[in-house]
Full PDB file with SEQRES, HELIX, SHEET, SSBOND, CRYST1, ORIGX, SCALE, CONECT and MASTER records, all heavy atoms in Angstrom:
SEQRES   1 A   39  PHE ALA ALA ASN ARG GLY TYR SER ASP LEU ILE VAL LEU          
SEQRES   2 A   39  ASN GLU ASP GLN LYS LYS PRO ASN SER MET LEU LEU VAL          
SEQRES   3 A   39  HIS LEU PRO ASN GLY PRO THR ALA TYR PHE ARG LEU SER          
HELIX    1 AA1 ALA A    3  ARG A    5  5                                   3    
SHEET    1 AA1 3 ASP A   9  ASP A  16  0                                        
SHEET    2 AA1 3 LYS A  19  HIS A  27 -1                                        
SHEET    3 AA1 3 THR A  33  ARG A  37 -1                                        
CRYST1    1.000    1.000    1.000  90.00  90.00  90.00 P 1           1          
ORIGX1      1.000000  0.000000  0.000000        0.00000                         
ORIGX2      0.000000  1.000000  0.000000        0.00000                         
ORIGX3      0.000000  0.000000  1.000000        0.00000                         
SCALE1      1.000000  0.000000  0.000000        0.00000                         
SCALE2      0.000000  1.000000  0.000000        0.00000                         
SCALE3      0.000000  0.000000  1.000000        0.00000                         
ATOM      1  N   PHE A   1     -19.950 -87.725 -75.927  1.00  0.00           N  
ATOM      2  CA  PHE A   1     -19.455 -88.775 -76.815  1.00  0.00           C  
ATOM      3  C   PHE A   1     -18.805 -88.172 -78.058  1.00  0.00           C  
ATOM      4  O   PHE A   1     -17.708 -88.575 -78.473  1.00  0.00           O  
ATOM      5  CB  PHE A   1     -20.614 -89.695 -77.210  1.00  0.00           C  
ATOM      6  CG  PHE A   1     -20.295 -90.669 -78.301  1.00  0.00           C  
ATOM      7  CD1 PHE A   1     -19.697 -91.889 -78.012  1.00  0.00           C  
ATOM      8  CD2 PHE A   1     -20.585 -90.370 -79.638  1.00  0.00           C  
ATOM      9  CE1 PHE A   1     -19.401 -92.790 -79.024  1.00  0.00           C  
ATOM     10  CE2 PHE A   1     -20.287 -91.269 -80.647  1.00  0.00           C  
ATOM     11  CZ  PHE A   1     -19.691 -92.481 -80.333  1.00  0.00           C  
ATOM     12  N   ALA A   2     -19.465 -87.176 -78.668  1.00  0.00           N  
ATOM     13  CA  ALA A   2     -18.942 -86.557 -79.880  1.00  0.00           C  
ATOM     14  C   ALA A   2     -17.689 -85.733 -79.593  1.00  0.00           C  
ATOM     15  O   ALA A   2     -16.721 -85.751 -80.377  1.00  0.00           O  
ATOM     16  CB  ALA A   2     -20.015 -85.683 -80.523  1.00  0.00           C  
ATOM     17  N   ALA A   3     -17.694 -84.995 -78.489  1.00  0.00           N  
ATOM     18  CA  ALA A   3     -16.535 -84.159 -78.153  1.00  0.00           C  
ATOM     19  C   ALA A   3     -15.303 -85.010 -77.883  1.00  0.00           C  
ATOM     20  O   ALA A   3     -14.183 -84.636 -78.272  1.00  0.00           O  
ATOM     21  CB  ALA A   3     -16.866 -83.282 -76.949  1.00  0.00           C  
ATOM     22  N   ASN A   4     -15.470 -86.152 -77.226  1.00  0.00           N  
ATOM     23  CA  ASN A   4     -14.334 -87.029 -76.916  1.00  0.00           C  
ATOM     24  C   ASN A   4     -13.747 -87.676 -78.164  1.00  0.00           C  
ATOM     25  O   ASN A   4     -12.608 -88.142 -78.139  1.00  0.00           O  
ATOM     26  CB  ASN A   4     -14.770 -88.118 -75.932  1.00  0.00           C  
ATOM     27  CG  ASN A   4     -15.110 -87.559 -74.573  1.00  0.00           C  
ATOM     28  OD1 ASN A   4     -14.619 -86.496 -74.192  1.00  0.00           O  
ATOM     29  ND2 ASN A   4     -15.972 -88.254 -73.828  1.00  0.00           N  
ATOM     30  N   ARG A   5     -14.508 -87.702 -79.248  1.00  0.00           N  
ATOM     31  CA  ARG A   5     -14.032 -88.318 -80.496  1.00  0.00           C  
ATOM     32  C   ARG A   5     -13.651 -87.286 -81.558  1.00  0.00           C  
ATOM     33  O   ARG A   5     -13.525 -87.607 -82.725  1.00  0.00           O  
ATOM     34  CB  ARG A   5     -15.093 -89.286 -81.031  1.00  0.00           C  
ATOM     35  CG  ARG A   5     -15.088 -90.597 -80.249  1.00  0.00           C  
ATOM     36  CD  ARG A   5     -16.409 -91.318 -80.345  1.00  0.00           C  
ATOM     37  NE  ARG A   5     -16.370 -92.578 -79.583  1.00  0.00           N  
ATOM     38  CZ  ARG A   5     -16.460 -92.639 -78.259  1.00  0.00           C  
ATOM     39  NH1 ARG A   5     -16.600 -91.530 -77.543  1.00  0.00           N  
ATOM     40  NH2 ARG A   5     -16.412 -93.811 -77.641  1.00  0.00           N  
ATOM     41  N   GLY A   6     -13.479 -86.041 -81.128  1.00  0.00           N  
ATOM     42  CA  GLY A   6     -12.934 -85.018 -82.009  1.00  0.00           C  
ATOM     43  C   GLY A   6     -13.927 -84.334 -82.923  1.00  0.00           C  
ATOM     44  O   GLY A   6     -13.515 -83.645 -83.863  1.00  0.00           O  
ATOM     45  N   TYR A   7     -15.221 -84.494 -82.682  1.00  0.00           N  
ATOM     46  CA  TYR A   7     -16.209 -83.791 -83.496  1.00  0.00           C  
ATOM     47  C   TYR A   7     -16.313 -82.344 -83.046  1.00  0.00           C  
ATOM     48  O   TYR A   7     -16.246 -82.036 -81.854  1.00  0.00           O  
ATOM     49  CB  TYR A   7     -17.576 -84.472 -83.392  1.00  0.00           C  
ATOM     50  CG  TYR A   7     -17.641 -85.792 -84.116  1.00  0.00           C  
ATOM     51  CD1 TYR A   7     -17.451 -86.995 -83.433  1.00  0.00           C  
ATOM     52  CD2 TYR A   7     -17.890 -85.846 -85.480  1.00  0.00           C  
ATOM     53  CE1 TYR A   7     -17.511 -88.221 -84.094  1.00  0.00           C  
ATOM     54  CE2 TYR A   7     -17.959 -87.057 -86.153  1.00  0.00           C  
ATOM     55  CZ  TYR A   7     -17.766 -88.237 -85.449  1.00  0.00           C  
ATOM     56  OH  TYR A   7     -17.814 -89.441 -86.106  1.00  0.00           O  
ATOM     57  N   SER A   8     -16.505 -81.454 -84.019  1.00  0.00           N  
ATOM     58  CA  SER A   8     -16.594 -80.026 -83.701  1.00  0.00           C  
ATOM     59  C   SER A   8     -18.027 -79.570 -83.464  1.00  0.00           C  
ATOM     60  O   SER A   8     -18.248 -78.580 -82.764  1.00  0.00           O  
ATOM     61  CB  SER A   8     -15.982 -79.197 -84.836  1.00  0.00           C  
ATOM     62  OG  SER A   8     -16.702 -79.405 -86.049  1.00  0.00           O  
ATOM     63  N   ASP A   9     -19.001 -80.278 -84.056  1.00  0.00           N  
ATOM     64  CA  ASP A   9     -20.400 -79.870 -83.917  1.00  0.00           C  
ATOM     65  C   ASP A   9     -21.293 -81.097 -83.853  1.00  0.00           C  
ATOM     66  O   ASP A   9     -20.975 -82.155 -84.420  1.00  0.00           O  
ATOM     67  CB  ASP A   9     -20.832 -78.988 -85.099  1.00  0.00           C  
ATOM     68  CG  ASP A   9     -20.106 -77.660 -85.120  1.00  0.00           C  
ATOM     69  OD1 ASP A   9     -20.582 -76.713 -84.488  1.00  0.00           O  
ATOM     70  OD2 ASP A   9     -19.046 -77.582 -85.766  1.00  0.00           O  
ATOM     71  N   LEU A  10     -22.425 -80.918 -83.196  1.00  0.00           N  
ATOM     72  CA  LEU A  10     -23.428 -81.977 -83.085  1.00  0.00           C  
ATOM     73  C   LEU A  10     -24.772 -81.425 -83.564  1.00  0.00           C  
ATOM     74  O   LEU A  10     -25.196 -80.350 -83.132  1.00  0.00           O  
ATOM     75  CB  LEU A  10     -23.557 -82.450 -81.631  1.00  0.00           C  
ATOM     76  CG  LEU A  10     -24.702 -83.429 -81.316  1.00  0.00           C  
ATOM     77  CD1 LEU A  10     -24.480 -84.759 -82.022  1.00  0.00           C  
ATOM     78  CD2 LEU A  10     -24.852 -83.619 -79.812  1.00  0.00           C  
ATOM     79  N   ILE A  11     -25.419 -82.141 -84.470  1.00  0.00           N  
ATOM     80  CA  ILE A  11     -26.746 -81.768 -84.963  1.00  0.00           C  
ATOM     81  C   ILE A  11     -27.729 -82.852 -84.548  1.00  0.00           C  
ATOM     82  O   ILE A  11     -27.540 -84.026 -84.883  1.00  0.00           O  
ATOM     83  CB  ILE A  11     -26.759 -81.599 -86.494  1.00  0.00           C  
ATOM     84  CG1 ILE A  11     -25.872 -80.416 -86.909  1.00  0.00           C  
ATOM     85  CG2 ILE A  11     -28.173 -81.387 -87.003  1.00  0.00           C  
ATOM     86  CD1 ILE A  11     -25.783 -80.226 -88.411  1.00  0.00           C  
ATOM     87  N   VAL A  12     -28.766 -82.449 -83.806  1.00  0.00           N  
ATOM     88  CA  VAL A  12     -29.804 -83.374 -83.360  1.00  0.00           C  
ATOM     89  C   VAL A  12     -31.111 -82.974 -84.054  1.00  0.00           C  
ATOM     90  O   VAL A  12     -31.614 -81.866 -83.864  1.00  0.00           O  
ATOM     91  CB  VAL A  12     -29.991 -83.334 -81.836  1.00  0.00           C  
ATOM     92  CG1 VAL A  12     -31.047 -84.350 -81.410  1.00  0.00           C  
ATOM     93  CG2 VAL A  12     -28.667 -83.612 -81.132  1.00  0.00           C  
ATOM     94  N   LEU A  13     -31.659 -83.875 -84.859  1.00  0.00           N  
ATOM     95  CA  LEU A  13     -32.909 -83.625 -85.583  1.00  0.00           C  
ATOM     96  C   LEU A  13     -34.052 -84.335 -84.871  1.00  0.00           C  
ATOM     97  O   LEU A  13     -33.944 -85.519 -84.537  1.00  0.00           O  
ATOM     98  CB  LEU A  13     -32.801 -84.126 -87.021  1.00  0.00           C  
ATOM     99  CG  LEU A  13     -31.728 -83.449 -87.887  1.00  0.00           C  
ATOM    100  CD1 LEU A  13     -31.574 -84.185 -89.207  1.00  0.00           C  
ATOM    101  CD2 LEU A  13     -32.072 -81.998 -88.135  1.00  0.00           C  
ATOM    102  N   ASN A  14     -35.127 -83.600 -84.646  1.00  0.00           N  
ATOM    103  CA  ASN A  14     -36.301 -84.159 -83.980  1.00  0.00           C  
ATOM    104  C   ASN A  14     -37.491 -84.169 -84.935  1.00  0.00           C  
ATOM    105  O   ASN A  14     -37.474 -83.512 -85.978  1.00  0.00           O  
ATOM    106  CB  ASN A  14     -36.636 -83.346 -82.723  1.00  0.00           C  
ATOM    107  CG  ASN A  14     -35.535 -83.424 -81.687  1.00  0.00           C  
ATOM    108  OD1 ASN A  14     -35.061 -84.506 -81.357  1.00  0.00           O  
ATOM    109  ND2 ASN A  14     -35.108 -82.274 -81.192  1.00  0.00           N  
ATOM    110  N   GLU A  15     -38.530 -84.903 -84.552  1.00  0.00           N  
ATOM    111  CA  GLU A  15     -39.711 -85.021 -85.402  1.00  0.00           C  
ATOM    112  C   GLU A  15     -40.971 -84.986 -84.555  1.00  0.00           C  
ATOM    113  O   GLU A  15     -40.941 -85.211 -83.338  1.00  0.00           O  
ATOM    114  CB  GLU A  15     -39.661 -86.315 -86.219  1.00  0.00           C  
ATOM    115  CG  GLU A  15     -39.711 -87.578 -85.379  1.00  0.00           C  
ATOM    116  CD  GLU A  15     -39.654 -88.834 -86.208  1.00  0.00           C  
ATOM    117  OE1 GLU A  15     -39.731 -88.746 -87.443  1.00  0.00           O  
ATOM    118  OE2 GLU A  15     -39.542 -89.926 -85.607  1.00  0.00           O  
ATOM    119  N   ASP A  16     -42.084 -84.685 -85.222  1.00  0.00           N  
ATOM    120  CA  ASP A  16     -43.398 -84.695 -84.591  1.00  0.00           C  
ATOM    121  C   ASP A  16     -44.397 -85.202 -85.620  1.00  0.00           C  
ATOM    122  O   ASP A  16     -44.433 -84.711 -86.753  1.00  0.00           O  
ATOM    123  CB  ASP A  16     -43.777 -83.289 -84.113  1.00  0.00           C  
ATOM    124  CG  ASP A  16     -45.113 -83.275 -83.391  1.00  0.00           C  
ATOM    125  OD1 ASP A  16     -45.416 -84.264 -82.708  1.00  0.00           O  
ATOM    126  OD2 ASP A  16     -45.847 -82.281 -83.515  1.00  0.00           O  
ATOM    127  N   GLN A  17     -45.182 -86.204 -85.231  1.00  0.00           N  
ATOM    128  CA  GLN A  17     -46.141 -86.836 -86.131  1.00  0.00           C  
ATOM    129  C   GLN A  17     -45.459 -87.327 -87.410  1.00  0.00           C  
ATOM    130  O   GLN A  17     -45.925 -87.094 -88.525  1.00  0.00           O  
ATOM    131  CB  GLN A  17     -47.281 -85.860 -86.466  1.00  0.00           C  
ATOM    132  CG  GLN A  17     -48.099 -85.471 -85.261  1.00  0.00           C  
ATOM    133  CD  GLN A  17     -49.234 -84.528 -85.585  1.00  0.00           C  
ATOM    134  OE1 GLN A  17     -49.374 -84.075 -86.726  1.00  0.00           O  
ATOM    135  NE2 GLN A  17     -50.058 -84.216 -84.608  1.00  0.00           N  
ATOM    136  N   LYS A  18     -44.308 -87.952 -87.220  1.00  0.00           N  
ATOM    137  CA  LYS A  18     -43.532 -88.580 -88.291  1.00  0.00           C  
ATOM    138  C   LYS A  18     -42.956 -87.577 -89.300  1.00  0.00           C  
ATOM    139  O   LYS A  18     -42.587 -87.944 -90.418  1.00  0.00           O  
ATOM    140  CB  LYS A  18     -44.363 -89.630 -89.037  1.00  0.00           C  
ATOM    141  CG  LYS A  18     -44.844 -90.771 -88.155  1.00  0.00           C  
ATOM    142  CD  LYS A  18     -45.607 -91.796 -88.964  1.00  0.00           C  
ATOM    143  CE  LYS A  18     -46.090 -92.938 -88.073  1.00  0.00           C  
ATOM    144  NZ  LYS A  18     -46.817 -93.977 -88.855  1.00  0.00           N  
ATOM    145  N   LYS A  19     -42.863 -86.295 -88.908  1.00  0.00           N  
ATOM    146  CA  LYS A  19     -42.305 -85.272 -89.782  1.00  0.00           C  
ATOM    147  C   LYS A  19     -41.232 -84.498 -89.028  1.00  0.00           C  
ATOM    148  O   LYS A  19     -41.443 -84.140 -87.864  1.00  0.00           O  
ATOM    149  CB  LYS A  19     -43.396 -84.311 -90.265  1.00  0.00           C  
ATOM    150  CG  LYS A  19     -44.439 -84.961 -91.153  1.00  0.00           C  
ATOM    151  CD  LYS A  19     -45.474 -83.939 -91.582  1.00  0.00           C  
ATOM    152  CE  LYS A  19     -46.548 -84.585 -92.466  1.00  0.00           C  
ATOM    153  NZ  LYS A  19     -47.580 -83.586 -92.890  1.00  0.00           N  
ATOM    154  N   PRO A  20     -40.074 -84.214 -89.651  1.00  0.00           N  
ATOM    155  CA  PRO A  20     -39.049 -83.412 -88.974  1.00  0.00           C  
ATOM    156  C   PRO A  20     -39.592 -82.033 -88.616  1.00  0.00           C  
ATOM    157  O   PRO A  20     -40.248 -81.384 -89.428  1.00  0.00           O  
ATOM    158  CB  PRO A  20     -37.934 -83.306 -90.027  1.00  0.00           C  
ATOM    159  CG  PRO A  20     -38.186 -84.432 -90.974  1.00  0.00           C  
ATOM    160  CD  PRO A  20     -39.663 -84.644 -90.991  1.00  0.00           C  
ATOM    161  N   ASN A  21     -39.317 -81.604 -87.387  1.00  0.00           N  
ATOM    162  CA  ASN A  21     -39.881 -80.315 -86.958  1.00  0.00           C  
ATOM    163  C   ASN A  21     -38.888 -79.406 -86.242  1.00  0.00           C  
ATOM    164  O   ASN A  21     -39.194 -78.236 -86.018  1.00  0.00           O  
ATOM    165  CB  ASN A  21     -41.087 -80.551 -86.046  1.00  0.00           C  
ATOM    166  CG  ASN A  21     -40.687 -81.093 -84.680  1.00  0.00           C  
ATOM    167  OD1 ASN A  21     -39.698 -81.826 -84.560  1.00  0.00           O  
ATOM    168  ND2 ASN A  21     -41.429 -80.744 -83.651  1.00  0.00           N  
ATOM    169  N   SER A  22     -37.679 -79.894 -85.892  1.00  0.00           N  
ATOM    170  CA  SER A  22     -36.740 -79.027 -85.187  1.00  0.00           C  
ATOM    171  C   SER A  22     -35.317 -79.565 -85.341  1.00  0.00           C  
ATOM    172  O   SER A  22     -35.095 -80.736 -85.667  1.00  0.00           O  
ATOM    173  CB  SER A  22     -37.096 -78.913 -83.700  1.00  0.00           C  
ATOM    174  OG  SER A  22     -36.976 -80.168 -83.058  1.00  0.00           O  
ATOM    175  N   MET A  23     -34.373 -78.652 -85.098  1.00  0.00           N  
ATOM    176  CA  MET A  23     -32.955 -79.007 -85.190  1.00  0.00           C  
ATOM    177  C   MET A  23     -32.207 -78.339 -84.052  1.00  0.00           C  
ATOM    178  O   MET A  23     -32.368 -77.141 -83.801  1.00  0.00           O  
ATOM    179  CB  MET A  23     -32.373 -78.559 -86.538  1.00  0.00           C  
ATOM    180  CG  MET A  23     -30.885 -78.861 -86.683  1.00  0.00           C  
ATOM    181  SD  MET A  23     -30.239 -78.401 -88.318  1.00  0.00           S  
ATOM    182  CE  MET A  23     -30.252 -76.604 -88.178  1.00  0.00           C  
ATOM    183  N   LEU A  24     -31.389 -79.110 -83.370  1.00  0.00           N  
ATOM    184  CA  LEU A  24     -30.539 -78.607 -82.299  1.00  0.00           C  
ATOM    185  C   LEU A  24     -29.104 -78.625 -82.799  1.00  0.00           C  
ATOM    186  O   LEU A  24     -28.586 -79.670 -83.185  1.00  0.00           O  
ATOM    187  CB  LEU A  24     -30.688 -79.485 -81.051  1.00  0.00           C  
ATOM    188  CG  LEU A  24     -30.029 -78.968 -79.769  1.00  0.00           C  
ATOM    189  CD1 LEU A  24     -30.768 -77.748 -79.245  1.00  0.00           C  
ATOM    190  CD2 LEU A  24     -30.005 -80.066 -78.710  1.00  0.00           C  
ATOM    191  N   LEU A  25     -28.453 -77.445 -82.803  1.00  0.00           N  
ATOM    192  CA  LEU A  25     -27.078 -77.318 -83.276  1.00  0.00           C  
ATOM    193  C   LEU A  25     -26.197 -76.973 -82.092  1.00  0.00           C  
ATOM    194  O   LEU A  25     -26.364 -75.919 -81.465  1.00  0.00           O  
ATOM    195  CB  LEU A  25     -26.984 -76.240 -84.360  1.00  0.00           C  
ATOM    196  CG  LEU A  25     -25.584 -75.908 -84.893  1.00  0.00           C  
ATOM    197  CD1 LEU A  25     -24.915 -77.149 -85.481  1.00  0.00           C  
ATOM    198  CD2 LEU A  25     -25.665 -74.802 -85.935  1.00  0.00           C  
ATOM    199  N   VAL A  26     -25.267 -77.875 -81.770  1.00  0.00           N  
ATOM    200  CA  VAL A  26     -24.389 -77.717 -80.604  1.00  0.00           C  
ATOM    201  C   VAL A  26     -22.950 -77.624 -81.087  1.00  0.00           C  
ATOM    202  O   VAL A  26     -22.475 -78.513 -81.801  1.00  0.00           O  
ATOM    203  CB  VAL A  26     -24.539 -78.894 -79.621  1.00  0.00           C  
ATOM    204  CG1 VAL A  26     -23.712 -78.651 -78.368  1.00  0.00           C  
ATOM    205  CG2 VAL A  26     -25.998 -79.125 -79.272  1.00  0.00           C  
ATOM    206  N   HIS A  27     -22.266 -76.552 -80.690  1.00  0.00           N  
ATOM    207  CA  HIS A  27     -20.840 -76.433 -80.988  1.00  0.00           C  
ATOM    208  C   HIS A  27     -20.057 -77.038 -79.829  1.00  0.00           C  
ATOM    209  O   HIS A  27     -20.265 -76.670 -78.666  1.00  0.00           O  
ATOM    210  CB  HIS A  27     -20.449 -74.971 -81.194  1.00  0.00           C  
ATOM    211  CG  HIS A  27     -19.020 -74.789 -81.608  1.00  0.00           C  
ATOM    212  ND1 HIS A  27     -18.551 -75.216 -82.831  1.00  0.00           N  
ATOM    213  CD2 HIS A  27     -17.965 -74.243 -80.951  1.00  0.00           C  
ATOM    214  CE1 HIS A  27     -17.262 -74.927 -82.924  1.00  0.00           C  
ATOM    215  NE2 HIS A  27     -16.882 -74.350 -81.793  1.00  0.00           N  
ATOM    216  N   LEU A  28     -19.186 -77.952 -80.143  1.00  0.00           N  
ATOM    217  CA  LEU A  28     -18.455 -78.691 -79.118  1.00  0.00           C  
ATOM    218  C   LEU A  28     -17.069 -78.084 -78.898  1.00  0.00           C  
ATOM    219  O   LEU A  28     -16.484 -77.513 -79.813  1.00  0.00           O  
ATOM    220  CB  LEU A  28     -18.324 -80.157 -79.544  1.00  0.00           C  
ATOM    221  CG  LEU A  28     -19.659 -80.871 -79.821  1.00  0.00           C  
ATOM    222  CD1 LEU A  28     -19.411 -82.251 -80.399  1.00  0.00           C  
ATOM    223  CD2 LEU A  28     -20.494 -80.959 -78.559  1.00  0.00           C  
ATOM    224  N   PRO A  29     -16.533 -78.172 -77.671  1.00  0.00           N  
ATOM    225  CA  PRO A  29     -17.112 -78.882 -76.518  1.00  0.00           C  
ATOM    226  C   PRO A  29     -17.966 -78.016 -75.593  1.00  0.00           C  
ATOM    227  O   PRO A  29     -18.711 -78.532 -74.780  1.00  0.00           O  
ATOM    228  CB  PRO A  29     -15.864 -79.365 -75.769  1.00  0.00           C  
ATOM    229  CG  PRO A  29     -14.847 -78.301 -76.044  1.00  0.00           C  
ATOM    230  CD  PRO A  29     -15.126 -77.795 -77.443  1.00  0.00           C  
ATOM    231  N   ASN A  30     -17.881 -76.701 -75.701  1.00  0.00           N  
ATOM    232  CA  ASN A  30     -18.497 -75.832 -74.693  1.00  0.00           C  
ATOM    233  C   ASN A  30     -19.576 -74.910 -75.254  1.00  0.00           C  
ATOM    234  O   ASN A  30     -19.896 -73.895 -74.641  1.00  0.00           O  
ATOM    235  CB  ASN A  30     -17.417 -74.976 -74.014  1.00  0.00           C  
ATOM    236  CG  ASN A  30     -16.359 -75.806 -73.318  1.00  0.00           C  
ATOM    237  OD1 ASN A  30     -16.682 -76.783 -72.641  1.00  0.00           O  
ATOM    238  ND2 ASN A  30     -15.101 -75.449 -73.490  1.00  0.00           N  
ATOM    239  N   GLY A  31     -20.151 -75.232 -76.395  1.00  0.00           N  
ATOM    240  CA  GLY A  31     -21.211 -74.390 -76.941  1.00  0.00           C  
ATOM    241  C   GLY A  31     -20.653 -73.307 -77.840  1.00  0.00           C  
ATOM    242  O   GLY A  31     -19.464 -73.317 -78.173  1.00  0.00           O  
ATOM    243  N   PRO A  32     -21.527 -72.406 -78.294  1.00  0.00           N  
ATOM    244  CA  PRO A  32     -22.937 -72.236 -77.925  1.00  0.00           C  
ATOM    245  C   PRO A  32     -23.872 -73.249 -78.597  1.00  0.00           C  
ATOM    246  O   PRO A  32     -23.444 -74.017 -79.451  1.00  0.00           O  
ATOM    247  CB  PRO A  32     -23.249 -70.817 -78.414  1.00  0.00           C  
ATOM    248  CG  PRO A  32     -22.328 -70.615 -79.568  1.00  0.00           C  
ATOM    249  CD  PRO A  32     -21.070 -71.348 -79.207  1.00  0.00           C  
ATOM    250  N   THR A  33     -25.132 -73.204 -78.202  1.00  0.00           N  
ATOM    251  CA  THR A  33     -26.156 -74.112 -78.711  1.00  0.00           C  
ATOM    252  C   THR A  33     -27.325 -73.295 -79.257  1.00  0.00           C  
ATOM    253  O   THR A  33     -27.707 -72.296 -78.649  1.00  0.00           O  
ATOM    254  CB  THR A  33     -26.652 -75.046 -77.594  1.00  0.00           C  
ATOM    255  OG1 THR A  33     -25.549 -75.836 -77.129  1.00  0.00           O  
ATOM    256  CG2 THR A  33     -27.751 -75.962 -78.102  1.00  0.00           C  
ATOM    257  N   ALA A  34     -27.851 -73.709 -80.383  1.00  0.00           N  
ATOM    258  CA  ALA A  34     -28.998 -73.027 -80.990  1.00  0.00           C  
ATOM    259  C   ALA A  34     -30.078 -74.053 -81.298  1.00  0.00           C  
ATOM    260  O   ALA A  34     -29.789 -75.172 -81.733  1.00  0.00           O  
ATOM    261  CB  ALA A  34     -28.588 -72.289 -82.267  1.00  0.00           C  
ATOM    262  N   TYR A  35     -31.326 -73.643 -81.073  1.00  0.00           N  
ATOM    263  CA  TYR A  35     -32.477 -74.495 -81.352  1.00  0.00           C  
ATOM    264  C   TYR A  35     -33.288 -73.837 -82.466  1.00  0.00           C  
ATOM    265  O   TYR A  35     -33.715 -72.690 -82.340  1.00  0.00           O  
ATOM    266  CB  TYR A  35     -33.330 -74.671 -80.095  1.00  0.00           C  
ATOM    267  CG  TYR A  35     -34.589 -75.474 -80.312  1.00  0.00           C  
ATOM    268  CD1 TYR A  35     -34.553 -76.866 -80.331  1.00  0.00           C  
ATOM    269  CD2 TYR A  35     -35.819 -74.848 -80.497  1.00  0.00           C  
ATOM    270  CE1 TYR A  35     -35.707 -77.606 -80.529  1.00  0.00           C  
ATOM    271  CE2 TYR A  35     -36.979 -75.570 -80.687  1.00  0.00           C  
ATOM    272  CZ  TYR A  35     -36.912 -76.950 -80.704  1.00  0.00           C  
ATOM    273  OH  TYR A  35     -38.057 -77.675 -80.898  1.00  0.00           O  
ATOM    274  N   PHE A  36     -33.488 -74.556 -83.567  1.00  0.00           N  
ATOM    275  CA  PHE A  36     -34.229 -74.039 -84.714  1.00  0.00           C  
ATOM    276  C   PHE A  36     -35.483 -74.880 -84.929  1.00  0.00           C  
ATOM    277  O   PHE A  36     -35.430 -76.107 -84.844  1.00  0.00           O  
ATOM    278  CB  PHE A  36     -33.387 -74.101 -85.997  1.00  0.00           C  
ATOM    279  CG  PHE A  36     -32.100 -73.331 -85.936  1.00  0.00           C  
ATOM    280  CD1 PHE A  36     -30.915 -73.963 -85.609  1.00  0.00           C  
ATOM    281  CD2 PHE A  36     -32.073 -71.976 -86.214  1.00  0.00           C  
ATOM    282  CE1 PHE A  36     -29.729 -73.267 -85.556  1.00  0.00           C  
ATOM    283  CE2 PHE A  36     -30.893 -71.267 -86.169  1.00  0.00           C  
ATOM    284  CZ  PHE A  36     -29.718 -71.906 -85.837  1.00  0.00           C  
ATOM    285  N   ARG A  37     -36.597 -74.205 -85.242  1.00  0.00           N  
ATOM    286  CA  ARG A  37     -37.776 -74.922 -85.719  1.00  0.00           C  
ATOM    287  C   ARG A  37     -37.649 -75.098 -87.223  1.00  0.00           C  
ATOM    288  O   ARG A  37     -37.242 -74.177 -87.927  1.00  0.00           O  
ATOM    289  CB  ARG A  37     -39.043 -74.136 -85.393  1.00  0.00           C  
ATOM    290  CG  ARG A  37     -39.411 -74.160 -83.918  1.00  0.00           C  
ATOM    291  CD  ARG A  37     -40.879 -73.787 -83.742  1.00  0.00           C  
ATOM    292  NE  ARG A  37     -41.252 -73.837 -82.329  1.00  0.00           N  
ATOM    293  CZ  ARG A  37     -41.392 -72.761 -81.565  1.00  0.00           C  
ATOM    294  NH1 ARG A  37     -41.177 -71.578 -82.072  1.00  0.00           N  
ATOM    295  NH2 ARG A  37     -41.743 -72.880 -80.300  1.00  0.00           N  
ATOM    296  N   LEU A  38     -38.008 -76.270 -87.719  1.00  0.00           N  
ATOM    297  CA  LEU A  38     -37.918 -76.575 -89.149  1.00  0.00           C  
ATOM    298  C   LEU A  38     -39.312 -76.605 -89.766  1.00  0.00           C  
ATOM    299  O   LEU A  38     -40.264 -77.098 -89.157  1.00  0.00           O  
ATOM    300  CB  LEU A  38     -37.229 -77.927 -89.364  1.00  0.00           C  
ATOM    301  CG  LEU A  38     -35.788 -78.061 -88.876  1.00  0.00           C  
ATOM    302  CD1 LEU A  38     -35.279 -79.470 -89.164  1.00  0.00           C  
ATOM    303  CD2 LEU A  38     -34.895 -77.035 -89.526  1.00  0.00           C  
ATOM    304  N   SER A  39     -39.410 -76.087 -90.990  1.00  0.00           N  
ATOM    305  CA  SER A  39     -40.674 -76.124 -91.719  1.00  0.00           C  
ATOM    306  C   SER A  39     -40.376 -76.168 -93.214  1.00  0.00           C  
ATOM    307  O   SER A  39     -39.240 -75.944 -93.642  1.00  0.00           O  
ATOM    308  CB  SER A  39     -41.530 -74.896 -91.377  1.00  0.00           C  
ATOM    309  OG  SER A  39     -40.860 -73.702 -91.752  1.00  0.00           O  
TER     310      SER A  39                                                      
MASTER        0    0    0    1    3    0    0    6  309    1    0    3          
END                                                                             
């Protein structure tokens, strides 16, 4: 969806027990992708 609309990167933030705990950074359209733990 993001790549088709001209976005260069996608950031997905996740949470655990109502607190942010990780971040997924995707470079569009073909990567690379990095997964970071947040603290």
